[in-house]
Amino acid sequence: MDFKTIDHVAIIGSNYDVMKEFYVLKLGMEVIKETVRAKKNDIKIDLRFGELTFELFIKNDAPERITHPEAKGLRHVSFHTDNIENDIAELKEKGVRVEAVRRDELNNRKMTFFFDPEGLPWELHE
């Protein structure tokens, strides 16, 4: 294999306004392009976040996650931070649900989870 890096992360949501507000205004991702895909009945929003690219698919009839967060498949994406307390304060100021800080039992680093408007978990790790 010749894998080099992650090309992008894809997320599915059902509410265009709420999801775009979260990822663009609250997390600070930059919109690269929006594409209405009539045949697939969705909108694809390409986002840039530092060196990463995210694809946000808005599909009004997307089914709910069956269980949270321990279903098979991708569990979460984790962002590294140098100051978890500052990031938590900023997220909370923006109305984002954030869990309490705890220590990773394997490496003793500070960590927490926050959630997008549809309940998708994201991790902060210091």
Protein backbone atom coordinates (compact mmCIF):
# COMPACT_ATOMS: atom_id res chain seq x y z
CA MET A 1 0.00 0.00 0.00
CA ASP A 2 1.06 3.54 -0.66
CA PHE A 3 -1.32 5.42 1.65
CA LYS A 4 0.12 8.81 2.53
CA THR A 5 -2.48 10.77 4.49
CA ILE A 6 -6.22 11.17 4.98
CA ASP A 7 -7.78 12.72 1.87
CA HIS A 8 -11.04 13.84 3.50
CA VAL A 9 -13.60 13.10 6.19
CA ALA A 10 -17.28 12.78 5.15
CA ILE A 11 -20.20 13.67 7.41
CA ILE A 12 -23.95 13.28 6.75
CA GLY A 13 -26.46 15.65 8.30
CA SER A 14 -30.12 16.44 7.73
CA ASN A 15 -30.50 20.15 8.51
CA TYR A 16 -28.63 22.46 6.12
CA ASP A 17 -28.77 25.67 8.19
CA VAL A 18 -27.94 24.10 11.54
CA MET A 19 -25.11 21.92 10.23
CA LYS A 20 -23.53 24.67 8.12
CA GLU A 21 -23.69 27.09 11.07
CA PHE A 22 -21.95 24.54 13.30
CA TYR A 23 -19.12 23.56 10.97
CA VAL A 24 -18.51 26.98 9.40
CA LEU A 25 -19.38 29.54 12.09
CA LYS A 26 -18.74 27.58 15.26
CA LEU A 27 -15.78 25.39 14.24
CA GLY A 28 -14.37 27.84 11.68
CA MET A 29 -14.24 25.58 8.64
CA GLU A 30 -14.02 27.35 5.28
CA VAL A 31 -16.52 26.60 2.51
CA ILE A 32 -14.67 25.59 -0.65
CA LYS A 33 -17.69 24.66 -2.76
CA GLU A 34 -21.37 23.77 -2.48
CA THR A 35 -23.04 21.42 -4.93
CA VAL A 36 -26.76 20.66 -5.13
CA ARG A 37 -27.07 17.07 -6.29
CA ALA A 38 -30.67 16.69 -7.44
CA LYS A 39 -30.30 13.05 -8.49
CA LYS A 40 -29.06 12.12 -5.01
CA ASN A 41 -31.47 14.50 -3.25
CA ASP A 42 -28.70 16.13 -1.22
CA ILE A 43 -26.33 19.07 -0.99
CA LYS A 44 -22.58 18.49 -0.77
CA ILE A 45 -20.54 21.15 0.99
CA ASP A 46 -16.75 20.87 0.66
CA LEU A 47 -15.00 22.39 3.69
CA ARG A 48 -11.38 23.12 4.54
CA PHE A 49 -10.09 22.97 8.10
CA GLY A 50 -6.36 23.60 8.25
CA GLU A 51 -4.80 20.90 6.09
CA LEU A 52 -7.91 18.70 6.21
CA THR A 53 -10.85 18.55 3.82
CA PHE A 54 -14.32 17.66 5.04
CA GLU A 55 -17.33 16.72 2.93
CA LEU A 56 -20.62 17.67 4.57
CA PHE A 57 -23.58 15.95 2.90
CA ILE A 58 -26.99 17.39 3.77
CA LYS A 59 -29.74 14.86 3.17
CA ASN A 60 -33.15 15.63 4.69
CA ASP A 61 -34.16 11.98 4.84
CA ALA A 62 -30.93 10.57 6.27
CA PRO A 63 -31.66 7.92 8.92
CA GLU A 64 -30.66 8.43 12.54
CA ARG A 65 -27.61 6.67 14.01
CA ILE A 66 -28.73 3.38 15.47
CA THR A 67 -26.65 3.65 18.65
CA HIS A 68 -24.41 6.32 20.06
CA PRO A 69 -21.40 6.20 19.96
CA GLU A 70 -20.55 2.51 20.06
CA ALA A 71 -22.04 1.34 16.76
CA LYS A 72 -19.84 -0.38 14.19
CA GLY A 73 -18.00 2.00 11.88
CA LEU A 74 -16.17 5.24 12.46
CA ARG A 75 -16.43 6.17 16.12
CA HIS A 76 -15.16 9.76 16.12
CA VAL A 77 -12.50 12.14 14.82
CA SER A 78 -10.12 13.71 17.32
CA PHE A 79 -8.55 17.16 17.10
CA HIS A 80 -5.25 17.88 18.87
CA THR A 81 -5.22 21.05 20.95
CA ASP A 82 -2.60 22.82 23.03
CA ASN A 83 -5.16 24.35 25.41
CA ILE A 84 -8.26 22.25 25.93
CA GLU A 85 -9.79 24.59 28.52
CA ASN A 86 -9.71 27.58 26.12
CA ASP A 87 -11.23 25.51 23.33
CA ILE A 88 -13.98 24.21 25.61
CA ALA A 89 -14.81 27.73 26.77
CA GLU A 90 -15.03 28.95 23.16
CA LEU A 91 -17.21 26.02 22.11
CA LYS A 92 -19.55 26.56 25.08
CA GLU A 93 -19.79 30.29 24.29
CA LYS A 94 -21.02 29.25 20.85
CA GLY A 95 -23.65 26.96 22.35
CA VAL A 96 -21.88 23.67 21.59
CA ARG A 97 -22.54 20.74 23.94
CA VAL A 98 -19.23 19.67 25.52
CA GLU A 99 -18.57 16.95 28.08
CA ALA A 100 -16.40 17.49 31.15
CA VAL A 101 -12.64 17.14 30.76
CA ARG A 102 -11.21 13.81 31.81
CA ARG A 103 -7.87 12.01 31.49
CA ASP A 104 -7.25 9.39 28.85
CA GLU A 105 -6.67 6.24 30.90
CA LEU A 106 -3.92 5.04 28.55
CA ASN A 107 -1.78 8.15 28.13
CA ASN A 108 -3.07 10.44 30.93
CA ARG A 109 -3.63 13.31 28.46
CA LYS A 110 -6.61 15.64 28.90
CA MET A 111 -9.54 14.87 26.62
CA THR A 112 -13.21 15.58 26.09
CA PHE A 113 -15.95 15.12 23.54
CA PHE A 114 -18.16 17.72 21.91
CA PHE A 115 -21.10 17.14 19.58
CA ASP A 116 -22.43 18.54 16.36
CA PRO A 117 -26.14 19.50 16.20
CA GLU A 118 -27.11 15.98 15.14
CA GLY A 119 -25.11 14.26 17.89
CA LEU A 120 -21.96 13.27 15.98
CA PRO A 121 -19.13 13.06 18.55
CA TRP A 122 -15.85 14.95 18.05
CA GLU A 123 -12.93 14.63 20.45
CA LEU A 124 -10.44 17.19 21.74
CA HIS A 125 -7.14 15.74 22.97
CA GLU A 126 -4.39 17.80 24.63
